[in-house]
Amino acid sequence: MPTATFTDMCRINVRGGDGGAGCMSFRREAFVPKGGPDGGDGGDGGSVILEADAQLSSLIDYRYKHHFRAERGTHGKGSRRHGRDGADLVLRVPLGTVVREIDATTMTPAHDVCDLTHPGDRVVVAPGGAGGRGNTHFVTSVRRAPAFAEKGEPALEHWIELEMKLMADAALVGMPSVGKSSIIARISAARPKIADYPFTTLVPNLGVARARTGESFVVADVPGLIEGASEGRGLGHEFLRHIERTALILHVVDLTGGLEGRDPLADYRTINDELAAYASELADRPQIVVGNKCDMPGTDVASLVLREAAEADGRPYLEVSAVTGEGLEELVATCAAQVAVLRREIAPDAPTIDFNAVVERERLRRDRRITVTREGRGVWRVSGGAVERMVVQTDWDNEEAVTYLQRRFDRIGLDGLLAKSGCRQGDEVRILGFAFSYDGDDAQGPSPGDGASRHEEAPITAGGPPGEDEGEGL
């Protein structure tokens, strides 16, 4: 059945590979009594990447499998041997796939990540964790033999939503059973299911139509719409999304009124109202009105009324018969010419968007901020991607590593930010699942009272006064 092979929306859980741990090692060999540190770095974890593939027409690959993991990096070793980077996991999706971030708390779409509309478009949706640095990176003028290394960075895991919107030049729209499937079957090689009852078509169909002049265009047969489709009636949202990208709308109207004896002019108004209600720009989209079943007796008056209404709206009107083929050649020629004009209006040299640069820039903006929130009396929560990464990459069983972490906190001004927020000596500071006792200077002025909350944000900077850790930025 078509519904088993067509999927246009799904949610998947993606996670990059964890970074490998850096190695704490010292060179030991004959006649080299002070060889120094030689621990290698851990390998970076692989990333989960989405890539647009013109050969795919559905998201069926993600209908039953929802969890995808990239390979983790391996650990560093002695003799400056670095760990191997994990392999990326490339997931292929159809053209026209919109990628959205899912809010982990509400499990609702948070924001659009990108729109993959060109073959080969790529975006990293789950970057791999960075490999931990070996102890060779922590040598300074006063720390000649660092006996610690960094752990690998845990990778990001989250849910994303994939929504496919058909990439077609023209879309056949109209009420159920007006003959859209019959028309696409006559003008292209598409073979949709055709029957004499409403909602025969349950999934969109694509076909390529070619005019006698040699010009071709992609046409989509969108399942029938009904009044209230813009509000979701009759799966309206599921169908209307596939019209958003089309440059030309072919509005098919049944001149006979169908089995229900509907008024063709009322059908024409209803569909246009639903398109405008769903997306205001659809009301201004180029549209050709197609009066179908003109071969049936008694349709002359209905066709004349519909023509006058269409031309009053500034839209071309054509009479066709999907059964006899009358008017279809003219319809294809008119559509091909109109599509050619619309294509020329699109700048051929439009710059390609580097989705990874946009996503990475936004990620870094969020990552390099510290948020301090008061959770209770004498309890403070510090959050932020970069500062949390410092904590998880620290070997808490190594006293020297913990001391180094405190120096990093000093360099980014964490103590000052806590003091500004109202933190006092002896208060508990929490970062992820770790708790610290605050030993910095007391805040200037009164501390917030019981039940109060103080929220401060500040960017993390890699600068700071020069010292023994100079050059060890984030």
Protein backbone atom coordinates (compact mmCIF):
# COMPACT_ATOMS: atom_id res chain seq x y z
CA MET A 1 0.00 0.00 0.00
CA PRO A 2 1.26 3.54 -0.65
CA THR A 3 0.86 4.52 3.00
CA ALA A 4 3.42 1.86 3.95
CA THR A 5 6.12 3.30 1.73
CA PHE A 6 5.55 7.04 2.14
CA THR A 7 6.53 8.89 5.30
CA ASP A 8 6.87 12.68 5.32
CA MET A 9 7.41 13.39 9.04
CA CYS A 10 9.29 11.61 11.80
CA ARG A 11 11.37 12.17 14.92
CA ILE A 12 14.74 10.57 15.57
CA ASN A 13 17.21 10.54 18.45
CA VAL A 14 20.80 11.31 17.41
CA ARG A 15 24.04 11.16 19.37
CA GLY A 16 27.59 11.81 18.29
CA GLY A 17 30.45 9.62 19.42
CA ASP A 18 32.15 10.37 22.74
CA GLY A 19 35.68 11.68 22.60
CA GLY A 20 38.50 9.38 23.67
CA ALA A 21 40.42 10.11 26.86
CA GLY A 22 43.86 11.70 26.74
CA CYS A 23 46.77 9.69 28.09
CA MET A 24 48.92 10.50 31.10
CA SER A 25 52.32 9.00 30.28
CA PHE A 26 56.03 9.75 30.64
CA ARG A 27 58.84 8.78 28.35
CA ARG A 28 60.85 6.01 29.96
CA GLU A 29 63.80 4.43 28.18
CA ALA A 30 67.43 3.67 28.79
CA PHE A 31 69.78 6.65 29.06
CA VAL A 32 66.85 9.12 29.10
CA PRO A 33 66.27 9.68 32.83
CA LYS A 34 64.07 12.78 32.33
CA GLY A 35 62.18 12.07 29.13
CA GLY A 36 59.20 14.19 30.09
CA PRO A 37 55.48 13.67 29.37
CA ASP A 38 54.49 11.88 26.17
CA GLY A 39 50.76 11.12 26.58
CA GLY A 40 48.80 11.19 23.33
CA ASP A 41 45.42 12.88 22.77
CA GLY A 42 42.15 10.99 22.61
CA GLY A 43 40.42 10.76 19.24
CA ASP A 44 37.41 12.93 18.45
CA GLY A 45 34.05 11.21 18.33
CA GLY A 46 32.22 10.87 15.04
CA SER A 47 29.33 13.18 14.16
CA VAL A 48 25.81 12.39 12.94
CA ILE A 49 25.30 14.17 9.61
CA LEU A 50 22.16 14.61 7.49
CA GLU A 51 22.69 14.72 3.72
CA ALA A 52 20.09 15.54 1.06
CA ASP A 53 19.77 12.81 -1.58
CA ALA A 54 17.80 13.41 -4.78
CA GLN A 55 17.19 9.65 -5.16
CA LEU A 56 15.02 9.46 -2.04
CA SER A 57 11.33 10.33 -2.03
CA SER A 58 10.30 9.51 1.52
CA LEU A 59 11.51 9.35 5.13
CA ILE A 60 10.55 5.67 5.33
CA ASP A 61 14.07 4.72 6.53
CA TYR A 62 13.34 6.50 9.82
CA ARG A 63 9.84 5.22 10.40
CA TYR A 64 10.83 2.18 12.44
CA LYS A 65 14.37 2.96 13.56
CA HIS A 66 14.65 6.08 15.71
CA HIS A 67 18.03 5.96 17.45
CA PHE A 68 21.29 6.67 15.64
CA ARG A 69 24.78 6.75 17.16
CA ALA A 70 28.12 7.72 15.66
CA GLU A 71 31.35 5.93 16.56
CA ARG A 72 33.32 7.05 19.60
CA GLY A 73 36.97 8.08 19.49
CA THR A 74 39.61 5.81 20.96
CA HIS A 75 41.86 6.72 23.88
CA GLY A 76 45.31 8.20 23.52
CA LYS A 77 48.41 6.17 24.38
CA GLY A 78 51.97 6.73 25.45
CA SER A 79 54.77 7.73 23.08
CA ARG A 80 52.51 10.56 21.82
CA ARG A 81 50.21 8.12 20.05
CA HIS A 82 46.87 9.79 19.49
CA GLY A 83 43.59 7.92 19.52
CA ARG A 84 41.70 7.27 16.30
CA ASP A 85 38.80 9.57 15.46
CA GLY A 86 35.37 7.95 15.38
CA ALA A 87 33.67 7.52 12.00
CA ASP A 88 30.88 9.91 11.08
CA LEU A 89 27.38 8.52 10.58
CA VAL A 90 25.74 9.95 7.45
CA LEU A 91 21.93 9.74 7.29
CA ARG A 92 20.44 10.41 3.87
CA VAL A 93 17.15 12.30 3.58
CA PRO A 94 15.01 13.45 0.62
CA LEU A 95 15.31 16.90 -0.91
CA GLY A 96 13.04 19.39 0.81
CA THR A 97 13.62 18.03 4.33
CA VAL A 98 13.23 20.58 7.11
CA VAL A 99 15.23 19.81 10.26
CA ARG A 100 13.96 21.05 13.64
CA GLU A 101 15.38 20.90 17.15
CA ILE A 102 13.08 19.28 19.73
CA ASP A 103 12.85 20.80 23.20
CA ALA A 104 13.97 18.09 25.64
CA THR A 105 11.47 19.17 28.31
CA THR A 106 8.26 19.63 26.34
CA MET A 107 9.17 17.42 23.33
CA THR A 108 7.78 20.11 21.02
CA PRO A 109 9.66 21.76 18.12
CA ALA A 110 11.97 24.47 19.49
CA HIS A 111 13.42 26.03 16.33
CA ASP A 112 14.30 25.23 12.72
CA VAL A 113 17.86 24.08 12.18
CA CYS A 114 17.99 24.09 8.38
CA ASP A 115 16.15 23.30 5.16
CA LEU A 116 17.92 20.83 2.86
CA THR A 117 16.76 21.74 -0.65
CA HIS A 118 19.78 20.98 -2.88
CA PRO A 119 21.43 17.62 -3.62
CA GLY A 120 24.43 17.15 -1.37
CA ASP A 121 23.34 19.72 1.25
CA ARG A 122 24.75 18.61 4.61
CA VAL A 123 24.27 19.58 8.24
CA VAL A 124 25.81 18.17 11.42
CA VAL A 125 22.93 17.46 13.81
CA ALA A 126 24.95 15.75 16.57
CA PRO A 127 28.64 16.74 16.72
CA GLY A 128 31.04 14.24 18.22
CA GLY A 129 32.77 14.94 21.50
CA ALA A 130 36.30 16.33 21.45
CA GLY A 131 39.08 13.99 22.45
CA GLY A 132 40.78 14.69 25.79
CA ARG A 133 44.25 16.21 25.72
CA GLY A 134 47.22 14.17 26.83
CA ASN A 135 49.51 15.41 29.59
CA THR A 136 51.93 16.91 27.05
CA HIS A 137 49.54 19.87 26.69
CA PHE A 138 49.83 20.91 30.33
CA VAL A 139 53.55 21.50 30.51
CA THR A 140 54.45 25.05 31.64
CA SER A 141 57.52 26.80 32.94
CA VAL A 142 56.65 25.77 36.51
CA ARG A 143 54.77 22.53 35.81
CA ARG A 144 57.36 20.39 34.05
CA ALA A 145 55.83 16.97 34.70
CA PRO A 146 52.01 17.19 34.70
CA ALA A 147 50.62 13.97 36.09
CA PHE A 148 47.13 14.34 34.67
CA ALA A 149 45.27 14.34 31.34
CA GLU A 150 41.76 15.23 30.18
CA LYS A 151 38.91 12.80 29.80
CA GLY A 152 37.06 12.69 26.49
CA GLU A 153 34.09 15.00 26.00
CA PRO A 154 30.67 13.29 26.11
CA ALA A 155 28.79 13.78 22.86
CA LEU A 156 25.51 15.62 22.39
CA GLU A 157 22.35 13.50 22.37
CA HIS A 158 18.98 14.97 21.46
CA TRP A 159 15.79 14.51 19.44
CA ILE A 160 15.22 16.19 16.10
CA GLU A 161 12.20 16.36 13.83
CA LEU A 162 12.39 15.71 10.10
CA GLU A 163 9.63 17.07 7.86
CA MET A 164 9.66 16.44 4.14
CA LYS A 165 7.97 18.94 1.83
CA LEU A 166 7.74 17.90 -1.80
CA MET A 167 10.02 19.70 -4.25
CA ALA A 168 7.70 20.12 -7.25
CA ASP A 169 7.31 22.88 -9.83
CA ALA A 170 3.50 22.64 -9.89
CA ALA A 171 0.89 21.12 -7.57
CA LEU A 172 -2.56 19.84 -8.46
CA VAL A 173 -4.94 20.92 -5.69
CA GLY A 174 -8.68 20.79 -5.26
CA MET A 175 -11.57 19.08 -3.50
CA PRO A 176 -11.63 15.25 -3.26
CA SER A 177 -12.55 13.31 -6.42
CA VAL A 178 -12.20 16.25 -8.86
CA GLY A 179 -9.86 14.27 -11.13
CA LYS A 180 -6.38 15.32 -9.99
CA SER A 181 -5.00 11.77 -10.07
CA SER A 182 -6.52 11.16 -13.49
CA ILE A 183 -4.88 14.31 -14.85
CA ILE A 184 -1.40 13.49 -13.53
CA ALA A 185 -1.75 9.96 -14.91
CA ARG A 186 -2.52 11.39 -18.39
CA ILE A 187 0.23 14.05 -18.49
CA SER A 188 3.06 12.06 -16.85
CA ALA A 189 4.31 8.55 -16.14
CA ALA A 190 2.90 8.63 -12.60
CA ARG A 191 0.38 5.87 -11.88
CA PRO A 192 -1.61 6.84 -8.81
CA LYS A 193 -4.60 4.89 -7.55
CA ILE A 194 -7.77 6.08 -9.30
CA ALA A 195 -11.32 5.31 -8.13
CA ASP A 196 -14.74 6.97 -7.99
CA TYR A 197 -14.84 7.67 -4.24
CA PRO A 198 -13.43 10.53 -2.15
CA PHE A 199 -9.91 10.40 -0.70
CA THR A 200 -8.70 7.72 -3.07
CA THR A 201 -5.32 9.45 -2.96
CA LEU A 202 -3.88 9.30 0.56
CA VAL A 203 -0.28 10.28 -0.20
CA PRO A 204 1.18 12.80 -2.67
CA ASN A 205 2.31 11.53 -6.07
CA LEU A 206 5.03 13.03 -8.26
CA GLY A 207 5.30 12.95 -12.02
CA VAL A 208 7.33 14.62 -14.76
CA ALA A 209 5.31 16.25 -17.55
CA ARG A 210 6.90 17.25 -20.85
CA ALA A 211 5.54 19.73 -23.41
CA ARG A 212 5.94 19.31 -27.19
CA THR A 213 8.55 22.09 -27.10
CA GLY A 214 10.75 19.84 -24.94
CA GLU A 215 10.30 21.78 -21.71
CA SER A 216 9.53 19.62 -18.68
CA PHE A 217 8.41 20.21 -15.13
CA VAL A 218 7.68 18.19 -11.98
CA VAL A 219 4.03 18.07 -10.97
CA ALA A 220 2.62 16.84 -7.66
CA ASP A 221 -0.80 15.34 -7.09
CA VAL A 222 -1.78 16.45 -3.58
CA PRO A 223 -4.58 14.54 -1.78
CA GLY A 224 -7.94 16.28 -1.76
CA LEU A 225 -8.61 19.21 0.54
CA ILE A 226 -11.85 20.03 2.31
CA GLU A 227 -13.27 23.04 4.10
CA GLY A 228 -11.34 23.48 7.35
CA ALA A 229 -8.16 21.90 5.95
CA SER A 230 -6.10 24.87 7.18
CA GLU A 231 -7.23 23.97 10.70
CA GLY A 232 -6.27 20.33 10.29
CA ARG A 233 -9.59 18.84 9.17
CA GLY A 234 -9.21 15.84 6.89
CA LEU A 235 -5.43 15.73 7.52
CA GLY A 236 -5.27 19.20 6.02
CA HIS A 237 -1.90 20.10 7.56
CA GLU A 238 -0.42 16.82 6.35
CA PHE A 239 -1.34 17.69 2.74
CA LEU A 240 -0.97 21.47 2.69
CA ARG A 241 2.72 21.34 3.65
CA HIS A 242 3.50 19.84 0.24
CA ILE A 243 2.10 22.89 -1.55
CA GLU A 244 4.39 25.38 0.21
CA ARG A 245 7.38 24.85 -2.09
CA THR A 246 5.60 24.67 -5.43
CA ALA A 247 6.03 27.66 -7.71
CA LEU A 248 2.72 27.11 -9.54
CA ILE A 249 -0.68 25.92 -8.32
CA LEU A 250 -2.98 24.02 -10.69
CA HIS A 251 -6.40 24.45 -9.10
CA VAL A 252 -8.63 21.63 -10.38
CA VAL A 253 -12.42 22.10 -10.14
CA ASP A 254 -15.04 19.46 -11.00
CA LEU A 255 -17.47 21.18 -13.38
CA THR A 256 -20.15 18.55 -12.67
CA GLY A 257 -20.12 19.18 -8.92
CA GLY A 258 -19.29 15.52 -8.20
CA LEU A 259 -21.53 12.94 -6.62
CA GLU A 260 -22.59 15.43 -3.95
CA GLY A 261 -23.75 17.97 -6.53
CA ARG A 262 -21.48 20.72 -5.16
CA ASP A 263 -21.32 24.19 -6.69
CA PRO A 264 -18.05 24.45 -8.72
CA LEU A 265 -17.74 28.16 -7.96
CA ALA A 266 -18.16 27.49 -4.21
CA ASP A 267 -15.47 24.78 -4.42
CA TYR A 268 -13.13 27.25 -6.11
CA ARG A 269 -13.67 29.85 -3.37
CA THR A 270 -13.37 27.29 -0.55
CA ILE A 271 -9.98 25.93 -1.67
CA ASN A 272 -8.56 29.43 -2.17
CA ASP A 273 -9.76 30.44 1.29
CA GLU A 274 -8.08 27.38 2.82
CA LEU A 275 -4.78 28.08 1.02
CA ALA A 276 -4.79 31.68 2.25
CA ALA A 277 -5.68 30.62 5.80
CA TYR A 278 -2.86 28.06 5.93
CA ALA A 279 -0.17 30.41 4.56
CA SER A 280 -0.94 33.94 3.41
CA GLU A 281 1.68 33.82 0.65
CA LEU A 282 -0.17 30.93 -1.00
CA ALA A 283 -2.99 33.32 -1.87
CA ASP A 284 -0.56 35.27 -4.09
CA ARG A 285 1.11 32.18 -5.59
CA PRO A 286 0.71 31.94 -9.42
CA GLN A 287 -2.35 29.80 -10.11
CA ILE A 288 -3.99 28.25 -13.16
CA VAL A 289 -7.64 27.30 -12.74
CA VAL A 290 -8.50 23.99 -14.44
CA GLY A 291 -12.13 23.08 -15.11
CA ASN A 292 -12.16 19.28 -15.36
CA LYS A 293 -14.80 16.96 -16.90
CA CYS A 294 -15.73 19.45 -19.62
CA ASP A 295 -16.81 16.46 -21.75
CA MET A 296 -19.83 15.90 -19.51
CA PRO A 297 -23.16 17.33 -20.66
CA GLY A 298 -24.56 20.37 -18.87
CA THR A 299 -21.20 21.79 -17.79
CA ASP A 300 -21.14 24.78 -20.16
CA VAL A 301 -22.79 27.19 -17.72
CA ALA A 302 -20.65 26.10 -14.78
CA SER A 303 -17.52 26.47 -16.90
CA LEU A 304 -18.52 29.98 -18.01
CA VAL A 305 -19.19 31.09 -14.41
CA LEU A 306 -15.89 29.61 -13.23
CA ARG A 307 -13.97 31.27 -16.09
CA GLU A 308 -15.40 34.68 -15.21
CA ALA A 309 -14.47 34.21 -11.54
CA ALA A 310 -10.93 33.06 -12.35
CA GLU A 311 -10.27 35.87 -14.82
CA ALA A 312 -11.69 38.39 -12.33
CA ASP A 313 -9.02 37.15 -9.91
CA GLY A 314 -6.37 37.57 -12.62
CA ARG A 315 -5.87 33.83 -13.15
CA PRO A 316 -5.81 31.89 -16.44
CA TYR A 317 -8.62 29.38 -16.96
CA LEU A 318 -8.46 26.15 -19.00
CA GLU A 319 -11.09 23.50 -19.75
CA VAL A 320 -9.85 19.89 -19.76
CA SER A 321 -11.14 16.33 -19.71
CA ALA A 322 -8.94 13.73 -18.03
CA VAL A 323 -11.02 11.02 -19.70
CA THR A 324 -10.87 12.16 -23.34
CA GLY A 325 -7.62 14.12 -23.08
CA GLU A 326 -9.26 17.32 -24.31
CA GLY A 327 -7.29 20.43 -23.32
CA LEU A 328 -4.48 18.49 -21.61
CA GLU A 329 -1.87 19.33 -24.24
CA GLU A 330 -2.65 23.03 -23.86
CA LEU A 331 -2.52 22.65 -20.06
CA VAL A 332 0.95 21.07 -20.17
CA ALA A 333 2.25 23.71 -22.59
CA THR A 334 0.88 26.56 -20.49
CA CYS A 335 2.33 25.08 -17.28
CA ALA A 336 5.74 24.45 -18.87
CA ALA A 337 5.95 28.03 -20.13
CA GLN A 338 4.88 29.45 -16.77
CA VAL A 339 7.35 27.26 -14.85
CA ALA A 340 10.17 28.33 -17.20
CA VAL A 341 9.40 31.98 -16.42
CA LEU A 342 9.30 31.32 -12.68
CA ARG A 343 12.61 29.47 -12.83
CA ARG A 344 14.30 32.41 -14.55
CA GLU A 345 13.12 34.70 -11.76
CA ILE A 346 15.19 32.69 -9.29
CA ALA A 347 18.75 34.02 -9.22
CA PRO A 348 20.99 31.29 -10.68
CA ASP A 349 24.00 32.56 -8.75
CA ALA A 350 22.30 32.62 -5.34
CA PRO A 351 24.95 31.77 -2.74
CA THR A 352 24.79 28.33 -1.20
CA ILE A 353 24.10 28.43 2.51
CA ASP A 354 26.74 26.78 4.68
CA PHE A 355 24.37 25.18 7.17
CA ASN A 356 27.19 23.83 9.30
CA ALA A 357 28.68 27.30 9.74
CA VAL A 358 25.30 28.71 10.78
CA VAL A 359 24.55 25.86 13.19
CA GLU A 360 28.07 25.90 14.65
CA ARG A 361 27.99 29.67 15.15
CA GLU A 362 24.72 29.39 17.06
CA ARG A 363 26.01 26.44 19.09
CA LEU A 364 29.16 28.32 20.08
CA ARG A 365 27.10 31.37 21.05
CA ARG A 366 25.08 29.24 23.48
CA ASP A 367 28.10 27.20 24.52
CA ARG A 368 30.23 30.16 25.57
CA ARG A 369 27.80 31.57 28.11
CA ILE A 370 27.62 30.95 31.84
CA THR A 371 24.30 31.09 33.65
CA VAL A 372 24.16 31.37 37.47
CA THR A 373 20.82 30.63 39.13
CA ARG A 374 19.99 30.55 42.85
CA GLU A 375 18.28 27.23 43.67
CA GLY A 376 17.78 27.77 47.40
CA ARG A 377 19.32 29.13 50.56
CA GLY A 378 23.10 28.94 50.08
CA VAL A 379 22.75 26.81 46.91
CA TRP A 380 23.67 28.00 43.41
CA ARG A 381 23.52 26.32 40.02
CA VAL A 382 26.09 27.11 37.32
CA SER A 383 25.30 25.97 33.78
CA GLY A 384 26.80 26.49 30.34
CA GLY A 385 28.22 24.19 27.70
CA ALA A 386 31.88 25.19 28.02
CA VAL A 387 32.03 25.29 31.82
CA GLU A 388 30.20 21.97 32.08
CA ARG A 389 32.67 20.47 29.61
CA MET A 390 35.55 21.52 31.85
CA VAL A 391 33.97 19.61 34.72
CA VAL A 392 33.19 16.36 32.88
CA GLN A 393 36.67 16.24 31.33
CA THR A 394 38.37 16.47 34.74
CA ASP A 395 39.76 13.36 36.41
CA TRP A 396 38.32 13.79 39.92
CA ASP A 397 40.57 11.09 41.35
CA ASN A 398 43.62 13.17 40.46
CA GLU A 399 44.31 16.05 42.85
CA GLU A 400 46.51 17.83 40.31
CA ALA A 401 43.73 17.72 37.73
CA VAL A 402 41.25 19.22 40.21
CA THR A 403 43.71 22.02 41.00
CA TYR A 404 44.06 22.73 37.30
CA LEU A 405 40.25 22.93 36.99
CA GLN A 406 40.18 25.63 39.70
CA ARG A 407 42.74 27.63 37.72
CA ARG A 408 40.53 27.39 34.66
CA PHE A 409 37.58 28.66 36.69
CA ASP A 410 39.74 31.62 37.76
CA ARG A 411 40.66 32.38 34.16
CA ILE A 412 37.03 32.61 33.01
CA GLY A 413 36.04 34.75 36.01
CA LEU A 414 33.60 32.27 37.55
CA ASP A 415 34.30 33.34 41.14
CA GLY A 416 33.61 36.98 40.26
CA LEU A 417 30.34 36.08 38.53
CA LEU A 418 29.22 34.06 41.55
CA ALA A 419 30.08 36.95 43.87
CA LYS A 420 28.14 39.36 41.65
CA SER A 421 25.14 37.04 41.82
CA GLY A 422 25.17 37.07 45.64
CA CYS A 423 27.10 33.91 46.47
CA ARG A 424 28.84 33.95 49.89
CA GLN A 425 31.68 31.96 51.36
CA GLY A 426 30.59 28.47 52.30
CA ASP A 427 27.67 28.40 49.84
CA GLU A 428 27.25 25.31 47.71
CA VAL A 429 27.87 25.66 43.97
CA ARG A 430 26.54 22.91 41.71
CA ILE A 431 27.69 22.12 38.18
CA LEU A 432 25.97 19.11 36.61
CA GLY A 433 26.16 16.38 39.28
CA PHE A 434 29.12 17.91 41.12
CA ALA A 435 29.02 20.20 44.16
CA PHE A 436 31.68 22.68 45.30
CA SER A 437 32.10 24.92 48.31
CA TYR A 438 32.47 28.59 47.38
CA ASP A 439 35.68 30.09 48.84
CA GLY A 440 35.76 33.37 46.90
CA ASP A 441 35.06 36.89 48.08
CA ASP A 442 31.64 37.66 49.52
CA ALA A 443 29.18 39.62 47.42
CA GLN A 444 29.05 43.34 47.84
CA GLY A 445 25.77 44.35 49.49
CA PRO A 446 22.99 42.19 50.93
CA SER A 447 22.44 38.62 49.78
CA PRO A 448 19.04 37.69 48.36
CA GLY A 449 16.63 36.52 51.03
CA ASP A 450 15.06 33.10 51.40
CA GLY A 451 13.19 31.97 48.34
CA ALA A 452 14.70 34.73 46.18
CA SER A 453 16.34 33.97 42.88
CA ARG A 454 19.17 35.73 41.13
CA HIS A 455 19.93 35.04 37.47
CA GLU A 456 23.14 36.26 35.84
CA GLU A 457 24.71 35.52 32.49
CA ALA A 458 28.19 36.28 31.19
CA PRO A 459 30.19 35.19 28.18
CA ILE A 460 33.14 32.88 28.67
CA THR A 461 36.38 34.33 27.36
CA ALA A 462 39.64 32.55 26.77
CA GLY A 463 41.68 35.54 27.91
CA GLY A 464 42.94 36.38 31.36
CA PRO A 465 46.09 37.50 33.09
CA PRO A 466 49.26 35.77 31.95
CA GLY A 467 50.63 33.13 34.26
CA GLU A 468 51.70 29.54 34.41
CA ASP A 469 48.70 28.47 32.31
CA GLU A 470 49.15 31.10 29.62
CA GLY A 471 48.04 29.77 26.25
CA GLU A 472 45.63 27.19 27.70
CA GLY A 473 42.37 28.73 26.50
CA LEU A 474 39.09 26.96 25.93
